[in-house]
Amino acid sequence: MATQHTGATDDARAERILEVFDTAFGELLAADPAAFQVKFRKMAASAFAFYRGTACLFYADATEGYGDGGAAEAPGGGTGAVPGGPFLDEHTGRVWIHGDLHAENFGTYMDANGRLTFNVNDFDEAFVGPFTWDLKRFAASVALLGYGKALSDEQITGLVRAYADAYRERIRVLAERDAKREAARRAGSESDPAGAGSGGEDDAAPSLTLDTARGPVLGALRSARANTRFGLLESMTEIRDWERRFTPGGGAVELDAATRSEVLDAFDAYIGTLPGATRFRTDAYRVKDVVGRRGVGIGSAGLPSYNILLEGHSDALENDLVIYMKQAQTPAVARHITDPAIHGYFLHEGHRTVISQRALQAHADPWLGWTELRGTGQLVAEVSPYAVDLDWSDLDDLDAITQVVGDLGRATATMHGAADAESGHSLVPFSTERAIDAAISGDEEGFTQMLADFAHDYGSRTRRDHQIFVDLFRNGRIPGL
């Protein structure tokens, strides 16, 4: 079990939390204190909500005894490239990771092939680092959710084990498939081993779709299928003078002429970042309207964003679509990975977010791209009606929860396996699934026990941190608010 800092007083921990918050949020908080008032109110609601909003604290702890140890010797003899620890080596310590993997960062999306898929979402924190960090962050979130549902420690351990076992099972399948592919290539075979071509899928490792999902995951997919783009348009826009425009109010902010012009210039640059295979007819990119928005959610407080209404796939008004452009931010994990080759790979944070999502998510949103606005990287993607998050509020049956965490374990493994040498980038030039499979094979029980121990340990620490945070917040001790 990870060593807990039992000797630290609450006062010392409070100062540590304030220090981490200042590093992570200081600039944005100073620019928009009101947005952070909303963010922190939401975080105060529960230990899980606090955990969702404090990836920065998680990684600060992860490099100081709660995670995989401090900076280890880097491949090639340098130091500080990737952290070391159990199950990590020069490969498994630098794979593409989600960066903020918790139980509520899974949901549905419509992929580029028009298939509704359930998988990991929200890639704002994605980076390259130890694969175990994703798994530990998820495991601790299960402990927090389980505690909130009054599950026993034994039951929580069972859930974490179900997640770890499902992850391990799927990684093994993916590794075996990859090995068969490589053997076929070396033999000069033109056949498709296991029915999986380059970047494809086979029956042994299917995605979670309407055809393969079950239980609550299937319910989320069906809910997403019931949504329509027209319904989304009706909620955000109206017809004025025979043309669709954004509806005033409701969070929309009218832009001055100069800002509008800057946003449109950034949009023009964004079009050039879309993959050629997903380009649409030229008229599809015609801009009908632009409005500003300001993020006030747990993850987007203080970040300026814009909604852009486009002509879409045809002249019919019901085929208009909305994309968003938002300022990308430095991921929490990046502050603890010092390898210059990783940091130097990206043009800016918008570019990093998009490249990461394309690497981690098979058949990503065809409207996903990046641009710059006033010298700052921006993420651009569709406001999709088919995005439905998994709802944990009514998920109370232990068997159903166990089934879900198993599905999420398989989804995590599929994500880690997607972002390797075959995903179209050069940053992780090896088979991640085979590297992870080899690392876990050396001590499978130790792998599962590590996650279970960490889940209880860090879950307990987070519940205490949440109480400390609430006291800091309500007593006006967070600078800038």
Protein backbone atom coordinates (compact mmCIF):
# COMPACT_ATOMS: atom_id res chain seq x y z
CA MET A 1 0.00 0.00 0.00
CA ALA A 2 1.23 3.49 -0.81
CA THR A 3 2.74 5.28 2.14
CA GLN A 4 0.37 7.81 3.66
CA HIS A 5 1.72 11.05 5.11
CA THR A 6 0.17 10.46 8.54
CA GLY A 7 2.65 12.76 10.23
CA ALA A 8 1.56 15.81 8.28
CA THR A 9 -0.84 18.10 10.08
CA ASP A 10 -4.00 19.45 8.49
CA ASP A 11 -2.43 22.90 8.53
CA ALA A 12 0.58 21.68 6.58
CA ARG A 13 -1.66 19.88 4.13
CA ALA A 14 -3.78 23.00 3.71
CA GLU A 15 -0.68 25.01 2.81
CA ARG A 16 0.31 22.31 0.32
CA ILE A 17 -3.13 22.41 -1.32
CA LEU A 18 -2.95 26.20 -1.59
CA GLU A 19 0.52 25.98 -3.12
CA VAL A 20 -0.60 23.47 -5.76
CA PHE A 21 -3.74 25.48 -6.53
CA ASP A 22 -1.70 28.64 -7.02
CA THR A 23 0.56 26.89 -9.53
CA ALA A 24 -2.30 25.25 -11.42
CA PHE A 25 -5.05 27.87 -11.24
CA GLY A 26 -3.39 31.14 -10.26
CA GLU A 27 -3.32 32.87 -13.65
CA LEU A 28 -6.85 31.84 -14.67
CA LEU A 29 -8.25 32.59 -11.22
CA ALA A 30 -6.81 36.11 -11.30
CA ALA A 31 -8.40 36.67 -14.72
CA ASP A 32 -11.86 35.40 -13.73
CA PRO A 33 -12.47 34.98 -9.97
CA ALA A 34 -16.23 34.64 -10.47
CA ALA A 35 -15.77 31.52 -12.61
CA PHE A 36 -13.65 29.95 -9.90
CA GLN A 37 -16.24 30.76 -7.28
CA VAL A 38 -18.60 28.53 -9.30
CA LYS A 39 -15.93 25.89 -9.85
CA PHE A 40 -15.04 25.68 -6.17
CA ARG A 41 -18.69 25.59 -5.09
CA LYS A 42 -19.14 22.56 -7.30
CA MET A 43 -15.97 20.97 -5.92
CA ALA A 44 -17.20 21.56 -2.36
CA ALA A 45 -20.30 19.44 -2.99
CA SER A 46 -18.57 16.08 -2.47
CA ALA A 47 -15.18 14.41 -2.18
CA PHE A 48 -15.64 12.99 -5.67
CA ALA A 49 -16.39 16.43 -7.14
CA PHE A 50 -13.27 17.73 -5.37
CA TYR A 51 -11.25 14.85 -6.85
CA ARG A 52 -12.53 15.61 -10.35
CA GLY A 53 -11.31 19.19 -10.08
CA THR A 54 -7.89 18.46 -8.59
CA ALA A 55 -5.86 16.43 -11.06
CA CYS A 56 -3.12 18.95 -10.23
CA LEU A 57 -3.05 17.75 -6.61
CA PHE A 58 -3.15 14.10 -7.62
CA TYR A 59 -0.01 14.43 -9.76
CA ALA A 60 1.78 16.54 -7.20
CA ASP A 61 1.17 13.70 -4.74
CA ALA A 62 2.00 11.03 -7.32
CA THR A 63 5.55 12.32 -7.60
CA GLU A 64 5.98 12.59 -3.84
CA GLY A 65 5.10 9.13 -2.59
CA TYR A 66 1.52 8.36 -3.58
CA GLY A 67 2.14 7.32 -7.16
CA ASP A 68 5.10 5.74 -8.89
CA GLY A 69 7.88 7.47 -7.04
CA GLY A 70 9.91 10.47 -8.00
CA ALA A 71 11.78 11.15 -11.19
CA ALA A 72 13.71 8.13 -12.38
CA GLU A 73 16.69 7.76 -14.66
CA ALA A 74 15.53 8.46 -18.17
CA PRO A 75 16.14 6.22 -21.18
CA GLY A 76 19.52 7.11 -22.57
CA GLY A 77 20.97 8.11 -19.22
CA GLY A 78 19.27 11.46 -18.54
CA THR A 79 17.19 12.14 -15.48
CA GLY A 80 13.67 13.27 -14.95
CA ALA A 81 12.26 12.12 -18.31
CA VAL A 82 9.58 9.91 -16.79
CA PRO A 83 8.84 8.86 -13.21
CA GLY A 84 9.83 5.38 -12.15
CA GLY A 85 8.03 2.81 -10.05
CA PRO A 86 6.43 -0.65 -10.20
CA PHE A 87 5.59 -1.95 -13.69
CA LEU A 88 7.36 0.97 -15.36
CA ASP A 89 10.29 0.88 -17.74
CA GLU A 90 11.52 2.95 -20.67
CA HIS A 91 8.37 2.02 -22.61
CA THR A 92 5.55 1.68 -20.09
CA GLY A 93 6.72 4.88 -18.39
CA ARG A 94 6.06 6.93 -21.52
CA VAL A 95 2.83 5.88 -23.19
CA TRP A 96 -0.01 8.15 -24.20
CA ILE A 97 -2.31 8.52 -21.20
CA HIS A 98 -5.67 10.18 -20.68
CA GLY A 99 -4.35 12.22 -17.76
CA ASP A 100 -7.65 12.62 -15.89
CA LEU A 101 -9.12 9.13 -15.92
CA HIS A 102 -11.94 8.88 -13.42
CA ALA A 103 -15.24 7.04 -13.41
CA GLU A 104 -17.22 9.96 -14.84
CA ASN A 105 -14.92 10.62 -17.80
CA PHE A 106 -16.57 7.93 -19.91
CA GLY A 107 -19.47 8.40 -22.26
CA THR A 108 -20.82 8.13 -25.78
CA TYR A 109 -19.75 9.76 -29.02
CA MET A 110 -20.49 9.40 -32.72
CA ASP A 111 -17.27 8.31 -34.39
CA ALA A 112 -16.05 9.26 -37.85
CA ASN A 113 -17.64 6.10 -39.26
CA GLY A 114 -21.08 7.06 -37.95
CA ARG A 115 -21.06 4.46 -35.16
CA LEU A 116 -22.25 5.34 -31.68
CA THR A 117 -19.47 4.23 -29.36
CA PHE A 118 -19.00 4.23 -25.59
CA ASN A 119 -15.47 5.02 -24.51
CA VAL A 120 -13.23 7.44 -22.67
CA ASN A 121 -13.99 11.10 -23.33
CA ASP A 122 -12.65 14.56 -22.41
CA PHE A 123 -9.00 14.51 -23.49
CA ASP A 124 -8.06 17.97 -22.20
CA GLU A 125 -5.49 16.50 -19.77
CA ALA A 126 -3.97 13.90 -22.12
CA PHE A 127 -0.18 13.63 -22.28
CA VAL A 128 2.61 11.07 -22.39
CA GLY A 129 3.58 9.40 -19.10
CA PRO A 130 3.32 6.24 -16.97
CA PHE A 131 0.35 4.03 -17.85
CA THR A 132 -0.15 3.26 -14.16
CA TRP A 133 -1.11 6.87 -13.46
CA ASP A 134 -4.31 6.48 -15.48
CA LEU A 135 -5.16 3.26 -13.67
CA LYS A 136 -4.46 4.65 -10.20
CA ARG A 137 -6.47 7.79 -10.83
CA PHE A 138 -9.40 5.66 -11.95
CA ALA A 139 -9.05 3.23 -9.03
CA ALA A 140 -9.15 6.05 -6.48
CA SER A 141 -12.26 7.44 -8.15
CA VAL A 142 -13.94 4.03 -7.72
CA ALA A 143 -13.09 4.11 -4.03
CA LEU A 144 -14.65 7.56 -3.70
CA LEU A 145 -17.80 6.60 -5.59
CA GLY A 146 -18.08 3.38 -3.60
CA TYR A 147 -17.71 5.22 -0.31
CA GLY A 148 -20.39 7.66 -1.40
CA LYS A 149 -22.71 4.72 -2.03
CA ALA A 150 -21.85 3.23 1.42
CA LEU A 151 -20.09 0.20 -0.03
CA SER A 152 -17.79 -1.69 2.30
CA ASP A 153 -14.03 -1.70 1.90
CA GLU A 154 -14.30 -5.32 0.75
CA GLN A 155 -16.83 -4.39 -1.91
CA ILE A 156 -14.68 -1.49 -3.09
CA THR A 157 -11.69 -3.83 -3.32
CA GLY A 158 -13.81 -6.15 -5.45
CA LEU A 159 -14.68 -3.34 -7.82
CA VAL A 160 -11.07 -2.26 -8.24
CA ARG A 161 -10.07 -5.86 -8.84
CA ALA A 162 -12.81 -6.24 -11.47
CA TYR A 163 -11.45 -3.16 -13.23
CA ALA A 164 -7.83 -4.37 -13.02
CA ASP A 165 -8.70 -7.87 -14.21
CA ALA A 166 -10.71 -6.57 -17.17
CA TYR A 167 -7.89 -4.19 -18.11
CA ARG A 168 -5.33 -6.97 -17.86
CA GLU A 169 -7.49 -9.37 -19.92
CA ARG A 170 -8.00 -6.84 -22.72
CA ILE A 171 -4.32 -5.83 -22.80
CA ARG A 172 -3.37 -9.49 -23.21
CA VAL A 173 -5.80 -9.91 -26.15
CA LEU A 174 -4.51 -6.76 -27.82
CA ALA A 175 -0.88 -7.77 -27.30
CA GLU A 176 -1.45 -11.22 -28.78
CA ARG A 177 -3.21 -9.71 -31.78
CA ASP A 178 -0.38 -7.23 -32.30
CA ALA A 179 2.20 -10.01 -32.12
CA LYS A 180 0.30 -11.96 -34.81
CA ARG A 181 0.23 -8.89 -37.02
CA GLU A 182 3.96 -8.39 -36.70
CA ALA A 183 4.65 -12.06 -37.43
CA ALA A 184 2.50 -11.85 -40.55
CA ARG A 185 4.30 -8.73 -41.72
CA ARG A 186 7.68 -10.31 -41.21
CA ALA A 187 6.53 -13.35 -43.16
CA GLY A 188 5.40 -11.08 -45.98
CA SER A 189 1.82 -12.25 -45.59
CA GLU A 190 -0.99 -10.21 -47.06
CA SER A 191 -3.53 -11.92 -44.84
CA ASP A 192 -5.22 -10.16 -41.93
CA PRO A 193 -4.45 -12.09 -38.73
CA ALA A 194 -7.30 -12.33 -36.27
CA GLY A 195 -9.47 -10.36 -38.66
CA ALA A 196 -7.83 -7.10 -37.66
CA GLY A 197 -6.17 -5.01 -40.32
CA SER A 198 -4.01 -2.02 -39.62
CA GLY A 199 -5.75 -0.13 -36.86
CA GLY A 200 -8.84 -2.34 -37.12
CA GLU A 201 -10.75 -4.40 -34.59
CA ASP A 202 -11.62 -8.05 -34.28
CA ASP A 203 -14.26 -10.03 -32.43
CA ALA A 204 -11.88 -10.69 -29.53
CA ALA A 205 -11.59 -6.98 -28.70
CA PRO A 206 -14.78 -5.22 -29.82
CA SER A 207 -15.66 -1.63 -29.07
CA LEU A 208 -18.65 -0.89 -26.85
CA THR A 209 -21.42 -0.14 -29.35
CA LEU A 210 -25.18 -0.69 -29.61
CA ASP A 211 -24.36 -4.21 -30.80
CA THR A 212 -21.91 -5.20 -28.07
CA ALA A 213 -22.71 -3.16 -24.93
CA ARG A 214 -24.98 -4.27 -22.10
CA GLY A 215 -26.55 -2.90 -18.95
CA PRO A 216 -26.02 0.77 -18.05
CA VAL A 217 -23.51 1.29 -20.87
CA LEU A 218 -26.10 0.11 -23.39
CA GLY A 219 -28.59 2.43 -21.72
CA ALA A 220 -26.26 5.39 -22.27
CA LEU A 221 -25.83 4.46 -25.93
CA ARG A 222 -29.57 4.19 -26.43
CA SER A 223 -30.08 7.58 -24.78
CA ALA A 224 -27.52 9.08 -27.14
CA ARG A 225 -29.23 7.46 -30.12
CA ALA A 226 -32.52 9.11 -29.16
CA ASN A 227 -30.90 12.54 -29.43
CA THR A 228 -30.79 14.46 -32.71
CA ARG A 229 -28.74 17.25 -34.15
CA PHE A 230 -31.99 19.09 -34.87
CA GLY A 231 -32.91 18.91 -31.18
CA LEU A 232 -29.54 20.41 -30.28
CA LEU A 233 -30.02 23.20 -32.81
CA GLU A 234 -33.47 23.96 -31.41
CA SER A 235 -31.96 24.40 -27.93
CA MET A 236 -29.24 26.82 -29.07
CA THR A 237 -30.50 28.62 -32.16
CA GLU A 238 -33.50 30.20 -33.87
CA ILE A 239 -34.55 31.12 -37.40
CA ARG A 240 -34.40 34.85 -38.14
CA ASP A 241 -34.91 36.31 -41.62
CA TRP A 242 -34.84 32.87 -43.22
CA GLU A 243 -31.47 32.01 -41.68
CA ARG A 244 -30.42 30.23 -38.53
CA ARG A 245 -28.71 32.27 -35.80
CA PHE A 246 -27.73 31.70 -32.18
CA THR A 247 -30.46 32.53 -29.69
CA PRO A 248 -29.51 35.58 -27.57
CA GLY A 249 -28.98 35.02 -23.86
CA GLY A 250 -28.70 31.64 -22.19
CA GLY A 251 -24.97 32.01 -21.67
CA ALA A 252 -24.21 33.32 -25.17
CA VAL A 253 -22.11 36.50 -25.27
CA GLU A 254 -22.31 38.85 -28.24
CA LEU A 255 -18.88 39.64 -29.67
CA ASP A 256 -17.54 42.99 -30.72
CA ALA A 257 -16.42 43.36 -34.34
CA ALA A 258 -12.70 43.03 -33.58
CA THR A 259 -13.10 39.83 -31.53
CA ARG A 260 -15.43 38.33 -34.11
CA SER A 261 -12.87 38.99 -36.83
CA GLU A 262 -10.11 37.34 -34.77
CA VAL A 263 -12.27 34.28 -34.13
CA LEU A 264 -13.11 33.96 -37.83
CA ASP A 265 -9.42 34.21 -38.77
CA ALA A 266 -8.64 31.48 -36.24
CA PHE A 267 -11.46 29.38 -37.70
CA ASP A 268 -9.99 29.70 -41.20
CA ALA A 269 -6.64 28.43 -39.88
CA TYR A 270 -8.40 25.54 -38.10
CA ILE A 271 -9.84 24.19 -41.35
CA GLY A 272 -6.32 23.40 -42.54
CA THR A 273 -5.74 21.09 -39.55
CA LEU A 274 -8.58 18.70 -40.45
CA PRO A 275 -7.52 15.34 -41.89
CA GLY A 276 -7.96 15.27 -45.66
CA ALA A 277 -10.03 12.09 -45.48
CA THR A 278 -12.72 13.81 -43.41
CA ARG A 279 -12.97 17.07 -45.35
CA PHE A 280 -16.47 18.14 -46.35
CA ARG A 281 -17.80 20.19 -49.26
CA THR A 282 -16.51 23.78 -49.20
CA ASP A 283 -19.91 25.25 -48.29
CA ALA A 284 -20.03 23.13 -45.13
CA TYR A 285 -17.54 25.51 -43.50
CA ARG A 286 -19.55 28.67 -44.20
CA VAL A 287 -19.98 30.53 -40.91
CA LYS A 288 -23.51 31.73 -40.12
CA ASP A 289 -23.01 33.10 -36.61
CA VAL A 290 -20.47 33.34 -33.77
CA VAL A 291 -20.99 33.91 -30.05
CA GLY A 292 -18.73 33.89 -27.04
CA ARG A 293 -19.06 31.71 -23.96
CA ARG A 294 -17.10 31.48 -20.73
CA GLY A 295 -16.47 28.16 -19.07
CA VAL A 296 -17.61 27.82 -15.48
CA GLY A 297 -17.57 24.05 -15.10
CA ILE A 298 -15.27 22.07 -12.83
CA GLY A 299 -12.71 21.62 -15.59
CA SER A 300 -13.17 24.77 -17.66
CA ALA A 301 -13.43 27.63 -15.17
CA GLY A 302 -12.09 30.87 -16.56
CA LEU A 303 -11.37 29.53 -20.04
CA PRO A 304 -12.82 31.70 -22.82
CA SER A 305 -14.63 29.78 -25.55
CA TYR A 306 -16.73 30.42 -28.63
CA ASN A 307 -19.55 28.67 -30.46
CA ILE A 308 -19.58 28.84 -34.25
CA LEU A 309 -22.65 27.98 -36.34
CA LEU A 310 -21.85 26.39 -39.71
CA GLU A 311 -23.78 25.57 -42.88
CA GLY A 312 -23.06 21.87 -42.46
CA HIS A 313 -23.54 19.00 -44.86
CA SER A 314 -26.25 20.63 -47.01
CA ASP A 315 -28.24 23.83 -47.49
CA ALA A 316 -31.10 22.43 -45.39
CA LEU A 317 -31.43 24.33 -42.11
CA GLU A 318 -31.79 21.11 -40.12
CA ASN A 319 -28.27 20.11 -41.23
CA ASP A 320 -26.56 23.14 -39.70
CA LEU A 321 -24.07 22.28 -36.99
CA VAL A 322 -22.30 23.94 -34.09
CA ILE A 323 -18.63 23.70 -33.30
CA TYR A 324 -16.84 25.12 -30.29
CA MET A 325 -13.45 26.75 -30.03
CA LYS A 326 -11.94 26.88 -26.54
CA GLN A 327 -8.63 27.81 -25.05
CA ALA A 328 -6.59 24.71 -24.25
CA GLN A 329 -4.69 24.58 -20.98
CA THR A 330 -1.51 22.94 -19.74
CA PRO A 331 -2.36 19.42 -18.50
CA ALA A 332 -1.66 18.71 -14.85
CA VAL A 333 0.51 15.70 -15.63
CA ALA A 334 2.79 17.75 -17.93
CA ARG A 335 4.27 19.62 -14.96
CA HIS A 336 5.72 16.33 -13.73
CA ILE A 337 7.12 14.97 -17.01
CA THR A 338 10.34 16.73 -17.95
CA ASP A 339 11.40 14.89 -21.11
CA PRO A 340 12.03 17.70 -23.65
CA ALA A 341 11.23 15.35 -26.55
CA ILE A 342 7.66 15.03 -25.25
CA HIS A 343 7.12 18.72 -24.56
CA GLY A 344 8.77 19.75 -27.84
CA TYR A 345 6.51 17.51 -29.91
CA PHE A 346 3.54 19.89 -29.67
CA LEU A 347 3.02 23.32 -31.26
CA HIS A 348 0.81 24.44 -28.36
CA GLU A 349 -1.78 23.03 -25.97
CA GLY A 350 -4.53 22.99 -28.58
CA HIS A 351 -2.33 20.91 -30.87
CA ARG A 352 -1.44 18.61 -27.96
CA THR A 353 -5.09 18.03 -27.05
CA VAL A 354 -6.09 17.16 -30.62
CA ILE A 355 -3.10 14.93 -31.37
CA SER A 356 -3.65 13.16 -28.06
CA GLN A 357 -7.34 12.56 -28.72
CA ARG A 358 -6.66 11.29 -32.22
CA ALA A 359 -4.07 8.92 -30.78
CA LEU A 360 -6.21 7.65 -27.91
CA GLN A 361 -9.65 7.56 -29.54
CA ALA A 362 -10.27 5.39 -32.59
CA HIS A 363 -12.15 7.21 -35.38
CA ALA A 364 -12.31 10.54 -33.54
CA ASP A 365 -14.70 13.40 -34.31
CA PRO A 366 -14.11 14.42 -37.97
CA TRP A 367 -14.48 18.08 -36.92
CA LEU A 368 -11.65 17.79 -34.37
CA GLY A 369 -8.83 20.26 -35.04
CA TRP A 370 -6.75 23.05 -33.56
CA THR A 371 -5.88 26.69 -34.14
CA GLU A 372 -4.45 29.75 -32.39
CA LEU A 373 -6.26 32.82 -31.11
CA ARG A 374 -4.26 35.76 -29.81
CA GLY A 375 -1.19 33.55 -29.62
CA THR A 376 -2.88 30.86 -27.51
CA GLY A 377 -3.62 27.31 -28.64
CA GLN A 378 -7.27 26.44 -29.15
CA LEU A 379 -9.16 23.15 -29.35
CA VAL A 380 -11.96 22.98 -31.94
CA ALA A 381 -14.60 20.23 -32.16
CA GLU A 382 -18.31 19.69 -32.79
CA VAL A 383 -20.90 20.37 -30.11
CA SER A 384 -22.38 16.91 -30.49
CA PRO A 385 -25.92 15.86 -29.55
CA TYR A 386 -24.66 12.31 -29.22
CA ALA A 387 -22.43 12.92 -26.20
CA VAL A 388 -24.04 11.26 -23.16
CA ASP A 389 -22.05 10.63 -19.98
CA LEU A 390 -22.56 7.51 -17.91
CA ASP A 391 -24.95 8.38 -15.07
CA TRP A 392 -23.76 6.93 -11.76
CA SER A 393 -26.49 8.53 -9.64
CA ASP A 394 -28.96 5.64 -10.05
CA LEU A 395 -26.33 2.92 -10.33
CA ASP A 396 -26.56 1.26 -6.91
CA ASP A 397 -26.73 -2.50 -7.56
CA LEU A 398 -23.30 -4.01 -6.82
CA ASP A 399 -23.47 -6.51 -9.68
CA ALA A 400 -24.37 -3.76 -12.13
CA ILE A 401 -21.53 -1.54 -10.87
CA THR A 402 -19.11 -4.46 -11.16
CA GLN A 403 -20.19 -5.02 -14.75
CA VAL A 404 -19.69 -1.37 -15.56
CA VAL A 405 -16.21 -1.08 -14.06
CA GLY A 406 -15.23 -4.18 -16.03
CA ASP A 407 -16.41 -2.49 -19.21
CA LEU A 408 -14.44 0.61 -18.27
CA GLY A 409 -11.34 -1.49 -17.64
CA ARG A 410 -11.58 -2.93 -21.14
CA ALA A 411 -12.20 0.54 -22.58
CA THR A 412 -9.09 1.86 -20.79
CA ALA A 413 -6.96 -0.94 -22.21
CA THR A 414 -8.29 -0.33 -25.71
CA MET A 415 -7.44 3.36 -25.35
CA HIS A 416 -3.88 2.63 -24.20
CA GLY A 417 -3.45 0.09 -27.00
CA ALA A 418 -4.64 2.52 -29.68
CA ALA A 419 -1.96 5.15 -29.09
CA ASP A 420 1.18 3.47 -30.35
CA ALA A 421 3.34 3.05 -33.44
CA GLU A 422 0.31 2.38 -35.67
CA SER A 423 -1.73 5.46 -34.69
CA GLY A 424 -0.07 7.86 -37.12
CA HIS A 425 2.39 9.69 -34.85
CA SER A 426 6.03 9.22 -33.93
CA LEU A 427 6.04 10.15 -30.23
CA VAL A 428 5.36 6.60 -28.98
CA PRO A 429 7.09 4.44 -31.62
CA PHE A 430 6.41 1.00 -30.14
CA SER A 431 3.53 -1.34 -29.35
CA THR A 432 2.09 -0.04 -26.08
CA GLU A 433 -0.13 -3.07 -25.53
CA ARG A 434 2.81 -5.47 -25.80
CA ALA A 435 4.97 -3.35 -23.51
CA ILE A 436 2.22 -3.12 -20.88
CA ASP A 437 1.39 -6.82 -21.20
CA ALA A 438 5.02 -7.77 -20.60
CA ALA A 439 5.25 -5.48 -17.56
CA ILE A 440 2.11 -6.86 -15.91
CA SER A 441 2.96 -10.49 -16.71
CA GLY A 442 5.84 -10.40 -14.27
CA ASP A 443 3.52 -9.95 -11.26
CA GLU A 444 -0.17 -10.04 -12.11
CA GLU A 445 -1.37 -10.33 -8.52
CA GLY A 446 0.96 -7.55 -7.45
CA PHE A 447 -0.46 -5.35 -10.19
CA THR A 448 -4.03 -5.84 -9.01
CA GLN A 449 -3.11 -5.46 -5.34
CA MET A 450 -1.20 -2.25 -6.07
CA LEU A 451 -4.33 -0.68 -7.54
CA ALA A 452 -6.57 -1.88 -4.70
CA ASP A 453 -4.19 -0.56 -2.03
CA PHE A 454 -3.83 2.76 -3.78
CA ALA A 455 -7.59 3.13 -4.21
CA HIS A 456 -8.23 2.85 -0.46
CA ASP A 457 -5.21 4.92 0.53
CA TYR A 458 -5.74 7.82 -1.83
CA GLY A 459 -9.50 7.70 -1.50
CA SER A 460 -9.12 8.22 2.25
CA ARG A 461 -6.63 11.02 1.68
CA THR A 462 -8.98 12.73 -0.79
CA ARG A 463 -11.90 12.65 1.63
CA ARG A 464 -9.73 14.39 4.22
CA ASP A 465 -8.40 16.84 1.62
CA HIS A 466 -11.97 17.67 0.66
CA GLN A 467 -12.77 18.67 4.25
CA ILE A 468 -9.63 20.81 4.38
CA PHE A 469 -10.53 22.45 1.08
CA VAL A 470 -14.08 23.26 2.18
CA ASP A 471 -12.72 24.96 5.30
CA LEU A 472 -10.20 26.93 3.23
CA PHE A 473 -12.89 28.02 0.80
CA ARG A 474 -15.63 28.96 3.22
CA ASN A 475 -13.22 30.85 5.46
CA GLY A 476 -11.88 32.96 2.58
CA ARG A 477 -8.37 31.50 2.67
CA ILE A 478 -7.98 30.87 -1.08
CA PRO A 479 -6.06 33.87 -2.45
CA GLY A 480 -7.75 35.82 -5.22
CA LEU A 481 -11.36 34.97 -4.39
